[in-house]
Amino acid sequence: MMPKQVKVGLHIFKIVEKPSLEDGMLNEGSYGYTLENQNLIVIDKNAPKSKKQVTLLHEILHACRMSLEGPTRPKKSDDYETWEHHFIGIYENAMLMVMRENPTVLKWLLETGE
């Protein structure tokens, strides 16, 4: 069963499943979204479990960025390696913290099969 919440930094995000036909934000190509101002993650209830797992991880990464804001953004003219390290740096501490503080979420994300 999908976890009902995930702790990201000082914030607890509620996780809910909604049918895409009842939620206009769940549309073609979108299986989930995160609302920072409500500490809410919404996942398409009708998606296959493997898609829900990927989508939940994706939304947790949004919550990490929203909650913890990463390092200063490089300039457009900076090279690929600078940008690559920027994006890795945004999530490295946050993801380790989320995994340590949410073993139930981590276990569910790593499950195989339906």
C-alpha atoms as a PDB file:
ATOM      1  CA  MET A   1       0.000   0.000   0.000  1.00  0.00           C
ATOM      2  CA  MET A   2       1.288   3.446  -0.895  1.00  0.00           C
ATOM      3  CA  PRO A   3       2.577   5.444   2.104  1.00  0.00           C
ATOM      4  CA  LYS A   4       0.310   8.239   3.363  1.00  0.00           C
ATOM      5  CA  GLN A   5       3.057  10.778   4.059  1.00  0.00           C
ATOM      6  CA  VAL A   6       6.732  11.575   3.615  1.00  0.00           C
ATOM      7  CA  LYS A   7       8.951  13.817   5.761  1.00  0.00           C
ATOM      8  CA  VAL A   8      11.166  16.211   3.790  1.00  0.00           C
ATOM      9  CA  GLY A   9      13.338  18.413   5.980  1.00  0.00           C
ATOM     10  CA  LEU A  10      11.047  20.035   8.528  1.00  0.00           C
ATOM     11  CA  HIS A  11       7.938  19.407   6.428  1.00  0.00           C
ATOM     12  CA  ILE A  12       5.566  16.464   6.271  1.00  0.00           C
ATOM     13  CA  PHE A  13       3.944  16.043   2.858  1.00  0.00           C
ATOM     14  CA  LYS A  14       0.642  14.183   2.766  1.00  0.00           C
ATOM     15  CA  ILE A  15       0.446  11.633  -0.080  1.00  0.00           C
ATOM     16  CA  VAL A  16      -2.960  11.058  -1.666  1.00  0.00           C
ATOM     17  CA  GLU A  17      -4.165   9.076  -4.647  1.00  0.00           C
ATOM     18  CA  LYS A  18      -6.838  10.562  -6.916  1.00  0.00           C
ATOM     19  CA  PRO A  19      -8.377   9.218 -10.126  1.00  0.00           C
ATOM     20  CA  SER A  20      -7.188  11.215 -13.118  1.00  0.00           C
ATOM     21  CA  LEU A  21     -10.768  11.671 -14.330  1.00  0.00           C
ATOM     22  CA  GLU A  22     -11.538  13.600 -11.128  1.00  0.00           C
ATOM     23  CA  ASP A  23      -8.422  15.782 -11.065  1.00  0.00           C
ATOM     24  CA  GLY A  24      -7.644  18.140 -13.927  1.00  0.00           C
ATOM     25  CA  MET A  25      -3.998  18.409 -12.897  1.00  0.00           C
ATOM     26  CA  LEU A  26      -3.549  14.692 -13.623  1.00  0.00           C
ATOM     27  CA  ASN A  27      -3.645  14.808 -17.397  1.00  0.00           C
ATOM     28  CA  GLU A  28      -1.880  13.291 -20.375  1.00  0.00           C
ATOM     29  CA  GLY A  29       1.679  12.527 -19.374  1.00  0.00           C
ATOM     30  CA  SER A  30       1.215  13.646 -15.767  1.00  0.00           C
ATOM     31  CA  TYR A  31       0.837  10.960 -13.127  1.00  0.00           C
ATOM     32  CA  GLY A  32       1.351  13.225 -10.128  1.00  0.00           C
ATOM     33  CA  TYR A  33       2.085  16.662  -8.782  1.00  0.00           C
ATOM     34  CA  THR A  34       3.250  18.439  -5.631  1.00  0.00           C
ATOM     35  CA  LEU A  35       1.622  21.469  -4.017  1.00  0.00           C
ATOM     36  CA  GLU A  36       4.211  23.209  -1.865  1.00  0.00           C
ATOM     37  CA  ASN A  37       1.738  25.562  -0.197  1.00  0.00           C
ATOM     38  CA  GLN A  38      -0.321  22.594   1.030  1.00  0.00           C
ATOM     39  CA  ASN A  39       2.504  20.103   1.666  1.00  0.00           C
ATOM     40  CA  LEU A  40       0.625  17.737  -0.607  1.00  0.00           C
ATOM     41  CA  ILE A  41       1.692  15.104  -3.136  1.00  0.00           C
ATOM     42  CA  VAL A  42      -1.012  13.724  -5.439  1.00  0.00           C
ATOM     43  CA  ILE A  43      -0.541  10.485  -7.397  1.00  0.00           C
ATOM     44  CA  ASP A  44      -2.802   9.076 -10.129  1.00  0.00           C
ATOM     45  CA  LYS A  45      -4.800   6.325  -8.432  1.00  0.00           C
ATOM     46  CA  ASN A  46      -5.305   4.433 -11.709  1.00  0.00           C
ATOM     47  CA  ALA A  47      -1.640   4.237 -12.713  1.00  0.00           C
ATOM     48  CA  PRO A  48       0.172   0.884 -12.470  1.00  0.00           C
ATOM     49  CA  LYS A  49       2.176   0.405  -9.261  1.00  0.00           C
ATOM     50  CA  SER A  50       5.544   0.742 -11.011  1.00  0.00           C
ATOM     51  CA  LYS A  51       4.437   4.077 -12.518  1.00  0.00           C
ATOM     52  CA  LYS A  52       3.189   5.209  -9.082  1.00  0.00           C
ATOM     53  CA  GLN A  53       6.591   4.345  -7.567  1.00  0.00           C
ATOM     54  CA  VAL A  54       8.506   6.354 -10.161  1.00  0.00           C
ATOM     55  CA  THR A  55       6.020   9.212  -9.881  1.00  0.00           C
ATOM     56  CA  LEU A  56       6.200   9.298  -6.078  1.00  0.00           C
ATOM     57  CA  LEU A  57       9.996   9.445  -6.217  1.00  0.00           C
ATOM     58  CA  HIS A  58       9.736  12.222  -8.823  1.00  0.00           C
ATOM     59  CA  GLU A  59       7.359  14.203  -6.590  1.00  0.00           C
ATOM     60  CA  ILE A  60       9.579  13.647  -3.530  1.00  0.00           C
ATOM     61  CA  LEU A  61      12.424  15.224  -5.525  1.00  0.00           C
ATOM     62  CA  HIS A  62      10.190  18.253  -6.174  1.00  0.00           C
ATOM     63  CA  ALA A  63       9.439  18.406  -2.443  1.00  0.00           C
ATOM     64  CA  CYS A  64      13.182  18.243  -1.691  1.00  0.00           C
ATOM     65  CA  ARG A  65      13.871  21.176  -3.964  1.00  0.00           C
ATOM     66  CA  MET A  66      10.917  23.142  -2.619  1.00  0.00           C
ATOM     67  CA  SER A  67      11.806  22.465   1.007  1.00  0.00           C
ATOM     68  CA  LEU A  68      15.563  22.670   0.916  1.00  0.00           C
ATOM     69  CA  GLU A  69      16.459  24.782  -2.157  1.00  0.00           C
ATOM     70  CA  GLY A  70      19.813  23.753  -3.486  1.00  0.00           C
ATOM     71  CA  PRO A  71      23.036  25.616  -4.106  1.00  0.00           C
ATOM     72  CA  THR A  72      23.215  28.846  -6.060  1.00  0.00           C
ATOM     73  CA  ARG A  73      22.195  28.372  -9.672  1.00  0.00           C
ATOM     74  CA  PRO A  74      25.035  28.491 -12.218  1.00  0.00           C
ATOM     75  CA  LYS A  75      25.045  30.976 -15.079  1.00  0.00           C
ATOM     76  CA  LYS A  76      23.624  29.918 -18.458  1.00  0.00           C
ATOM     77  CA  SER A  77      27.117  30.147 -19.911  1.00  0.00           C
ATOM     78  CA  ASP A  78      28.649  27.715 -17.375  1.00  0.00           C
ATOM     79  CA  ASP A  79      29.842  24.373 -18.713  1.00  0.00           C
ATOM     80  CA  TYR A  80      28.021  21.042 -18.518  1.00  0.00           C
ATOM     81  CA  GLU A  81      30.047  19.774 -15.550  1.00  0.00           C
ATOM     82  CA  THR A  82      29.159  22.862 -13.478  1.00  0.00           C
ATOM     83  CA  TRP A  83      25.461  22.337 -14.222  1.00  0.00           C
ATOM     84  CA  GLU A  84      25.690  18.595 -13.573  1.00  0.00           C
ATOM     85  CA  HIS A  85      27.205  19.178 -10.128  1.00  0.00           C
ATOM     86  CA  HIS A  86      24.576  21.820  -9.443  1.00  0.00           C
ATOM     87  CA  PHE A  87      21.738  19.354 -10.042  1.00  0.00           C
ATOM     88  CA  ILE A  88      23.405  16.563  -8.076  1.00  0.00           C
ATOM     89  CA  GLY A  89      24.082  18.990  -5.221  1.00  0.00           C
ATOM     90  CA  ILE A  90      20.432  20.003  -5.037  1.00  0.00           C
ATOM     91  CA  TYR A  91      19.393  16.475  -4.113  1.00  0.00           C
ATOM     92  CA  GLU A  92      22.307  14.651  -2.486  1.00  0.00           C
ATOM     93  CA  ASN A  93      21.721  15.670   1.141  1.00  0.00           C
ATOM     94  CA  ALA A  94      17.956  15.866   0.780  1.00  0.00           C
ATOM     95  CA  MET A  95      17.562  12.381  -0.699  1.00  0.00           C
ATOM     96  CA  LEU A  96      19.750  10.729   1.920  1.00  0.00           C
ATOM     97  CA  MET A  97      17.793  12.516   4.638  1.00  0.00           C
ATOM     98  CA  VAL A  98      14.437  11.501   3.104  1.00  0.00           C
ATOM     99  CA  MET A  99      15.539   7.860   2.823  1.00  0.00           C
ATOM    100  CA  ARG A 100      16.776   7.760   6.437  1.00  0.00           C
ATOM    101  CA  GLU A 101      13.687   9.449   7.876  1.00  0.00           C
ATOM    102  CA  ASN A 102      11.114   7.521   5.834  1.00  0.00           C
ATOM    103  CA  PRO A 103      11.981   3.795   5.813  1.00  0.00           C
ATOM    104  CA  THR A 104       8.363   2.850   5.002  1.00  0.00           C
ATOM    105  CA  VAL A 105       8.372   5.061   1.908  1.00  0.00           C
ATOM    106  CA  LEU A 106      11.765   3.687   0.839  1.00  0.00           C
ATOM    107  CA  LYS A 107      10.558   0.100   1.305  1.00  0.00           C
ATOM    108  CA  TRP A 108       7.458   0.768  -0.822  1.00  0.00           C
ATOM    109  CA  LEU A 109       9.479   2.449  -3.568  1.00  0.00           C
ATOM    110  CA  LEU A 110      11.794  -0.552  -3.775  1.00  0.00           C
ATOM    111  CA  GLU A 111       9.079  -3.236  -3.872  1.00  0.00           C
ATOM    112  CA  THR A 112       8.767  -5.242  -7.076  1.00  0.00           C
ATOM    113  CA  GLY A 113       5.629  -6.670  -8.622  1.00  0.00           C
ATOM    114  CA  GLU A 114       2.067  -5.469  -8.221  1.00  0.00           C
END
